[in-house]
PDB file of N, CA and C in Angstrom:
ATOM      1  N   MET A   1      12.005 -10.928   8.945  1.00  0.00           N
ATOM      2  CA  MET A   1      11.149 -10.145   9.715  1.00  0.00           C
ATOM      3  C   MET A   1      11.496  -8.749   9.473  1.00  0.00           C
ATOM      4  N   MET A   2      10.871  -7.955   9.129  1.00  0.00           N
ATOM      5  CA  MET A   2      11.180  -6.417   9.088  1.00  0.00           C
ATOM      6  C   MET A   2      11.193  -5.920  10.308  1.00  0.00           C
ATOM      7  N   LYS A   3      12.302  -5.032  10.356  1.00  0.00           N
ATOM      8  CA  LYS A   3      12.447  -4.200  11.990  1.00  0.00           C
ATOM      9  C   LYS A   3      10.977  -2.858  11.736  1.00  0.00           C
ATOM     10  N   PHE A   4      10.928  -2.540  12.918  1.00  0.00           N
ATOM     11  CA  PHE A   4       9.852  -1.690  13.203  1.00  0.00           C
ATOM     12  C   PHE A   4       9.978  -0.367  12.256  1.00  0.00           C
ATOM     13  N   THR A   5      11.370   0.140  11.844  1.00  0.00           N
ATOM     14  CA  THR A   5      11.164   1.795  11.082  1.00  0.00           C
ATOM     15  C   THR A   5      11.377   1.121   9.984  1.00  0.00           C
ATOM     16  N   GLU A   6      11.899   0.064   9.435  1.00  0.00           N
ATOM     17  CA  GLU A   6      11.957  -0.726   8.146  1.00  0.00           C
ATOM     18  C   GLU A   6      10.176  -0.316   7.482  1.00  0.00           C
ATOM     19  N   ARG A   7       9.485  -1.490   8.497  1.00  0.00           N
ATOM     20  CA  ARG A   7       8.020  -1.538   7.929  1.00  0.00           C
ATOM     21  C   ARG A   7       7.404  -0.292   8.158  1.00  0.00           C
ATOM     22  N   TYR A   8       7.841   0.788   8.920  1.00  0.00           N
ATOM     23  CA  TYR A   8       7.224   2.128   9.172  1.00  0.00           C
ATOM     24  C   TYR A   8       7.409   2.866   7.842  1.00  0.00           C
ATOM     25  N   HIS A   9       8.691   2.922   7.301  1.00  0.00           N
ATOM     26  CA  HIS A   9       9.163   3.708   6.219  1.00  0.00           C
ATOM     27  C   HIS A   9       8.174   3.159   5.117  1.00  0.00           C
ATOM     28  N   LYS A  10       8.056   1.731   4.931  1.00  0.00           N
ATOM     29  CA  LYS A  10       7.256   1.168   3.742  1.00  0.00           C
ATOM     30  C   LYS A  10       5.737   1.320   3.872  1.00  0.00           C
ATOM     31  N   MET A  11       5.448   1.712   4.796  1.00  0.00           N
ATOM     32  CA  MET A  11       3.707   1.998   5.014  1.00  0.00           C
ATOM     33  C   MET A  11       3.691   3.350   4.550  1.00  0.00           C
ATOM     34  N   GLU A  12       4.897   4.191   5.038  1.00  0.00           N
ATOM     35  CA  GLU A  12       4.679   5.832   4.683  1.00  0.00           C
ATOM     36  C   GLU A  12       4.649   6.067   3.028  1.00  0.00           C
ATOM     37  N   PHE A  13       5.708   4.964   2.673  1.00  0.00           N
ATOM     38  CA  PHE A  13       5.693   4.971   1.033  1.00  0.00           C
ATOM     39  C   PHE A  13       4.506   4.594   0.390  1.00  0.00           C
ATOM     40  N   ILE A  14       3.844   3.292   0.776  1.00  0.00           N
ATOM     41  CA  ILE A  14       2.764   3.156   0.320  1.00  0.00           C
ATOM     42  C   ILE A  14       1.365   3.990   0.326  1.00  0.00           C
ATOM     43  N   LYS A  15       1.618   4.634   1.830  1.00  0.00           N
ATOM     44  CA  LYS A  15       0.470   5.688   1.530  1.00  0.00           C
ATOM     45  C   LYS A  15       0.626   6.951   0.746  1.00  0.00           C
ATOM     46  N   GLN A  16       1.949   7.553   0.418  1.00  0.00           N
ATOM     47  CA  GLN A  16       2.181   8.366  -0.670  1.00  0.00           C
ATOM     48  C   GLN A  16       1.806   8.068  -1.809  1.00  0.00           C
ATOM     49  N   LEU A  17       2.240   6.927  -2.274  1.00  0.00           N
ATOM     50  CA  LEU A  17       1.954   6.146  -3.887  1.00  0.00           C
ATOM     51  C   LEU A  17       0.437   6.171  -3.786  1.00  0.00           C
ATOM     52  N   ALA A  18      -0.319   5.892  -2.771  1.00  0.00           N
ATOM     53  CA  ALA A  18      -1.663   5.558  -2.616  1.00  0.00           C
ATOM     54  C   ALA A  18      -2.700   7.124  -3.123  1.00  0.00           C
ATOM     55  N   MET A  19      -1.866   8.006  -2.535  1.00  0.00           N
ATOM     56  CA  MET A  19      -2.342   9.568  -2.616  1.00  0.00           C
ATOM     57  C   MET A  19      -2.649   9.700  -3.934  1.00  0.00           C
ATOM     58  N   TYR A  20      -1.248   9.396  -4.649  1.00  0.00           N
ATOM     59  CA  TYR A  20      -1.077   9.704  -6.298  1.00  0.00           C
ATOM     60  C   TYR A  20      -1.650   8.666  -7.323  1.00  0.00           C
ATOM     61  N   LYS A  21      -2.511   7.255  -6.703  1.00  0.00           N
ATOM     62  CA  LYS A  21      -2.899   6.591  -7.238  1.00  0.00           C
ATOM     63  C   LYS A  21      -1.839   5.900  -8.242  1.00  0.00           C
ATOM     64  N   ASN A  22      -0.640   5.558  -7.665  1.00  0.00           N
ATOM     65  CA  ASN A  22       0.483   5.054  -8.417  1.00  0.00           C
ATOM     66  C   ASN A  22       1.237   3.608  -7.420  1.00  0.00           C
ATOM     67  N   THR A  23       0.463   3.052  -6.905  1.00  0.00           N
ATOM     68  CA  THR A  23       0.981   1.787  -6.570  1.00  0.00           C
ATOM     69  C   THR A  23       1.348   0.934  -7.240  1.00  0.00           C
ATOM     70  N   GLY A  24       0.440   0.569  -8.438  1.00  0.00           N
ATOM     71  CA  GLY A  24       0.526  -0.215  -9.472  1.00  0.00           C
ATOM     72  C   GLY A  24      -0.332  -1.425  -8.568  1.00  0.00           C
ATOM     73  N   THR A  25      -0.198  -2.550  -9.143  1.00  0.00           N
ATOM     74  CA  THR A  25      -0.794  -4.168  -8.864  1.00  0.00           C
ATOM     75  C   THR A  25       0.185  -4.141  -7.534  1.00  0.00           C
ATOM     76  N   PRO A  26      -0.908  -5.396  -6.684  1.00  0.00           N
ATOM     77  CA  PRO A  26       0.009  -5.807  -5.396  1.00  0.00           C
ATOM     78  C   PRO A  26       1.598  -6.710  -5.838  1.00  0.00           C
ATOM     79  N   LYS A  27       1.560  -7.316  -6.978  1.00  0.00           N
ATOM     80  CA  LYS A  27       2.774  -7.456  -7.647  1.00  0.00           C
ATOM     81  C   LYS A  27       4.016  -6.401  -8.030  1.00  0.00           C
ATOM     82  N   GLU A  28       3.594  -5.648  -8.650  1.00  0.00           N
ATOM     83  CA  GLU A  28       4.440  -3.986  -9.011  1.00  0.00           C
ATOM     84  C   GLU A  28       4.718  -3.442  -7.579  1.00  0.00           C
ATOM     85  N   LEU A  29       3.937  -3.634  -6.737  1.00  0.00           N
ATOM     86  CA  LEU A  29       4.040  -2.733  -5.295  1.00  0.00           C
ATOM     87  C   LEU A  29       5.250  -3.245  -4.407  1.00  0.00           C
ATOM     88  N   ALA A  30       4.843  -4.860  -4.627  1.00  0.00           N
ATOM     89  CA  ALA A  30       5.896  -5.949  -4.093  1.00  0.00           C
ATOM     90  C   ALA A  30       7.601  -5.383  -4.568  1.00  0.00           C
ATOM     91  N   GLU A  31       7.579  -5.645  -5.994  1.00  0.00           N
ATOM     92  CA  GLU A  31       8.652  -5.135  -6.471  1.00  0.00           C
ATOM     93  C   GLU A  31       9.378  -3.988  -6.119  1.00  0.00           C
ATOM     94  N   LYS A  32       8.344  -2.518  -6.142  1.00  0.00           N
ATOM     95  CA  LYS A  32       8.923  -1.271  -5.659  1.00  0.00           C
ATOM     96  C   LYS A  32       9.740  -1.732  -4.422  1.00  0.00           C
ATOM     97  N   LEU A  33       8.611  -2.381  -3.373  1.00  0.00           N
ATOM     98  CA  LEU A  33       9.518  -2.423  -2.144  1.00  0.00           C
ATOM     99  C   LEU A  33      10.320  -3.374  -1.861  1.00  0.00           C
ATOM    100  N   ASN A  34      10.481  -4.113  -2.603  1.00  0.00           N
ATOM    101  CA  ASN A  34      11.460  -5.538  -2.557  1.00  0.00           C
ATOM    102  C   ASN A  34      10.995  -6.298  -1.444  1.00  0.00           C
ATOM    103  N   ILE A  35       9.908  -6.491  -1.517  1.00  0.00           N
ATOM    104  CA  ILE A  35       9.190  -7.507  -0.684  1.00  0.00           C
ATOM    105  C   ILE A  35       8.170  -8.163  -1.305  1.00  0.00           C
ATOM    106  N   SER A  36       7.710  -9.422  -0.636  1.00  0.00           N
ATOM    107  CA  SER A  36       6.802 -10.402  -1.144  1.00  0.00           C
ATOM    108  C   SER A  36       5.302  -9.833  -1.325  1.00  0.00           C
ATOM    109  N   GLU A  37       4.507  -9.985  -2.048  1.00  0.00           N
ATOM    110  CA  GLU A  37       3.082  -9.587  -2.449  1.00  0.00           C
ATOM    111  C   GLU A  37       2.300  -9.941  -1.035  1.00  0.00           C
ATOM    112  N   ARG A  38       2.679 -11.024  -0.357  1.00  0.00           N
ATOM    113  CA  ARG A  38       2.094 -11.387   0.955  1.00  0.00           C
ATOM    114  C   ARG A  38       2.445 -10.175   2.304  1.00  0.00           C
ATOM    115  N   SER A  39       3.478 -10.082   2.086  1.00  0.00           N
ATOM    116  CA  SER A  39       4.034  -8.670   2.978  1.00  0.00           C
ATOM    117  C   SER A  39       3.433  -7.539   2.669  1.00  0.00           C
ATOM    118  N   VAL A  40       3.335  -7.212   1.358  1.00  0.00           N
ATOM    119  CA  VAL A  40       2.697  -6.032   0.921  1.00  0.00           C
ATOM    120  C   VAL A  40       1.075  -6.102   1.145  1.00  0.00           C
ATOM    121  N   LYS A  41       0.403  -6.963   1.340  1.00  0.00           N
ATOM    122  CA  LYS A  41      -0.887  -7.471   1.839  1.00  0.00           C
ATOM    123  C   LYS A  41      -1.126  -7.148   3.457  1.00  0.00           C
ATOM    124  N   ARG A  42      -0.139  -7.714   4.056  1.00  0.00           N
ATOM    125  CA  ARG A  42       0.150  -7.363   5.368  1.00  0.00           C
ATOM    126  C   ARG A  42      -0.153  -6.195   5.929  1.00  0.00           C
ATOM    127  N   LEU A  43       0.794  -5.260   4.992  1.00  0.00           N
ATOM    128  CA  LEU A  43       1.050  -3.977   5.190  1.00  0.00           C
ATOM    129  C   LEU A  43      -0.227  -3.012   5.033  1.00  0.00           C
ATOM    130  N   ILE A  44      -0.626  -3.361   3.838  1.00  0.00           N
ATOM    131  CA  ILE A  44      -1.991  -2.642   3.627  1.00  0.00           C
ATOM    132  C   ILE A  44      -3.222  -2.945   4.916  1.00  0.00           C
ATOM    133  N   ASN A  45      -3.054  -4.399   5.374  1.00  0.00           N
ATOM    134  CA  ASN A  45      -3.940  -4.713   6.348  1.00  0.00           C
ATOM    135  C   ASN A  45      -3.538  -4.056   7.529  1.00  0.00           C
ATOM    136  N   GLU A  46      -2.170  -3.693   7.836  1.00  0.00           N
ATOM    137  CA  GLU A  46      -1.796  -2.925   9.272  1.00  0.00           C
ATOM    138  C   GLU A  46      -2.027  -1.400   8.899  1.00  0.00           C
ATOM    139  N   LEU A  47      -2.314  -0.912   7.898  1.00  0.00           N
ATOM    140  CA  LEU A  47      -2.605   0.495   7.619  1.00  0.00           C
ATOM    141  C   LEU A  47      -4.081   0.876   7.870  1.00  0.00           C
ATOM    142  N   LYS A  48      -5.108  -0.539   7.302  1.00  0.00           N
ATOM    143  CA  LYS A  48      -6.523  -0.202   7.682  1.00  0.00           C
ATOM    144  C   LYS A  48      -6.648  -0.442   9.083  1.00  0.00           C
ATOM    145  N   GLU A  49      -6.149  -1.130   9.894  1.00  0.00           N
ATOM    146  CA  GLU A  49      -6.200  -1.472  11.025  1.00  0.00           C
ATOM    147  C   GLU A  49      -5.908  -0.045  11.886  1.00  0.00           C
ATOM    148  N   LEU A  50      -5.175   0.898  11.246  1.00  0.00           N
ATOM    149  CA  LEU A  50      -4.379   2.245  11.882  1.00  0.00           C
ATOM    150  C   LEU A  50      -5.427   3.138  11.412  1.00  0.00           C
ATOM    151  N   GLY A  51      -6.454   2.925  10.798  1.00  0.00           N
ATOM    152  CA  GLY A  51      -7.402   3.846  10.120  1.00  0.00           C
ATOM    153  C   GLY A  51      -7.467   4.246   9.138  1.00  0.00           C
ATOM    154  N   GLU A  52      -6.152   4.116   8.252  1.00  0.00           N
ATOM    155  CA  GLU A  52      -5.855   4.406   6.746  1.00  0.00           C
ATOM    156  C   GLU A  52      -7.417   3.635   5.809  1.00  0.00           C
ATOM    157  N   GLN A  53      -8.074   4.474   4.972  1.00  0.00           N
ATOM    158  CA  GLN A  53      -8.980   4.266   4.280  1.00  0.00           C
ATOM    159  C   GLN A  53      -8.404   3.735   2.723  1.00  0.00           C
ATOM    160  N   ILE A  54      -7.680   2.612   2.992  1.00  0.00           N
ATOM    161  CA  ILE A  54      -7.168   2.411   1.503  1.00  0.00           C
ATOM    162  C   ILE A  54      -7.849   1.038   1.064  1.00  0.00           C
ATOM    163  N   VAL A  55      -8.037   1.169  -0.292  1.00  0.00           N
ATOM    164  CA  VAL A  55      -8.711   0.176  -1.033  1.00  0.00           C
ATOM    165  C   VAL A  55      -7.909  -0.025  -2.231  1.00  0.00           C
ATOM    166  N   TYR A  56      -8.108  -1.167  -3.015  1.00  0.00           N
ATOM    167  CA  TYR A  56      -7.707  -1.346  -4.253  1.00  0.00           C
ATOM    168  C   TYR A  56      -8.624  -1.126  -5.567  1.00  0.00           C
ATOM    169  N   CYS A  57      -8.437  -0.489  -6.413  1.00  0.00           N
ATOM    170  CA  CYS A  57      -8.892   0.075  -7.395  1.00  0.00           C
ATOM    171  C   CYS A  57      -8.546  -0.540  -8.927  1.00  0.00           C
ATOM    172  N   ARG A  58      -9.565  -1.650  -9.184  1.00  0.00           N
ATOM    173  CA  ARG A  58      -9.395  -2.362 -10.610  1.00  0.00           C
ATOM    174  C   ARG A  58      -9.143  -1.222 -11.729  1.00  0.00           C
ATOM    175  N   THR A  59     -10.015  -0.431 -11.819  1.00  0.00           N
ATOM    176  CA  THR A  59      -9.926   0.427 -12.821  1.00  0.00           C
ATOM    177  C   THR A  59      -8.609   1.266 -12.834  1.00  0.00           C
ATOM    178  N   CYS A  60      -7.911   1.771 -11.838  1.00  0.00           N
ATOM    179  CA  CYS A  60      -6.678   2.448 -11.407  1.00  0.00           C
ATOM    180  C   CYS A  60      -5.629   1.379 -11.719  1.00  0.00           C
ATOM    181  N   ASN A  61      -5.739   0.153 -11.331  1.00  0.00           N
ATOM    182  CA  ASN A  61      -4.721  -0.702 -11.006  1.00  0.00           C
ATOM    183  C   ASN A  61      -3.613  -0.282 -10.131  1.00  0.00           C
ATOM    184  N   SER A  62      -4.071   0.385  -8.756  1.00  0.00           N
ATOM    185  CA  SER A  62      -3.601   0.900  -7.691  1.00  0.00           C
ATOM    186  C   SER A  62      -4.442   0.777  -6.160  1.00  0.00           C
ATOM    187  N   TYR A  63      -3.501   1.190  -5.209  1.00  0.00           N
ATOM    188  CA  TYR A  63      -4.482   0.971  -4.116  1.00  0.00           C
ATOM    189  C   TYR A  63      -4.549   2.717  -3.943  1.00  0.00           C
ATOM    190  N   VAL A  64      -5.925   3.004  -3.634  1.00  0.00           N
ATOM    191  CA  VAL A  64      -6.265   4.241  -3.621  1.00  0.00           C
ATOM    192  C   VAL A  64      -6.766   4.662  -2.077  1.00  0.00           C
ATOM    193  N   TYR A  65      -7.109   5.991  -1.612  1.00  0.00           N
ATOM    194  CA  TYR A  65      -7.720   6.104  -0.811  1.00  0.00           C
ATOM    195  C   TYR A  65      -9.125   6.452  -1.102  1.00  0.00           C
ATOM    196  N   LYS A  66     -10.370   5.772  -0.217  1.00  0.00           N
ATOM    197  CA  LYS A  66     -11.538   5.622  -0.456  1.00  0.00           C
ATOM    198  C   LYS A  66     -12.112   7.055  -1.123  1.00  0.00           C
ATOM    199  N   HIS A  67     -11.661   7.942  -0.475  1.00  0.00           N
ATOM    200  CA  HIS A  67     -12.344   9.324  -0.596  1.00  0.00           C
ATOM    201  C   HIS A  67     -12.153   9.816  -2.068  1.00  0.00           C
ATOM    202  N   ASP A  68     -10.866   9.404  -2.559  1.00  0.00           N
ATOM    203  CA  ASP A  68     -10.419   9.779  -3.923  1.00  0.00           C
ATOM    204  C   ASP A  68     -11.342   8.992  -4.974  1.00  0.00           C
ATOM    205  N   LEU A  69     -12.256   7.956  -4.716  1.00  0.00           N
ATOM    206  CA  LEU A  69     -12.919   7.393  -5.652  1.00  0.00           C
ATOM    207  C   LEU A  69     -14.093   7.760  -6.070  1.00  0.00           C
ATOM    208  N   ARG A  70     -14.327   8.870  -5.330  1.00  0.00           N
ATOM    209  CA  ARG A  70     -15.841   9.807  -5.627  1.00  0.00           C
ATOM    210  C   ARG A  70     -15.542  10.321  -7.029  1.00  0.00           C
TER     211      ARG A  70
END
């Protein structure tokens, strides 16, 4: 299980990558973060619960912010 600070830093990193549409696929993001794909999905869900409007864009092959899809 990840410590709170480790989880916080990983979530901030995901947000930063999503801003630039550079997370890659869930598998690639898991490799970047050195965690499992399941953990990536948990972190994404936590971000959504905190109000972040992150979605996966199949065209970009990246998690992105909804407002960037327009």
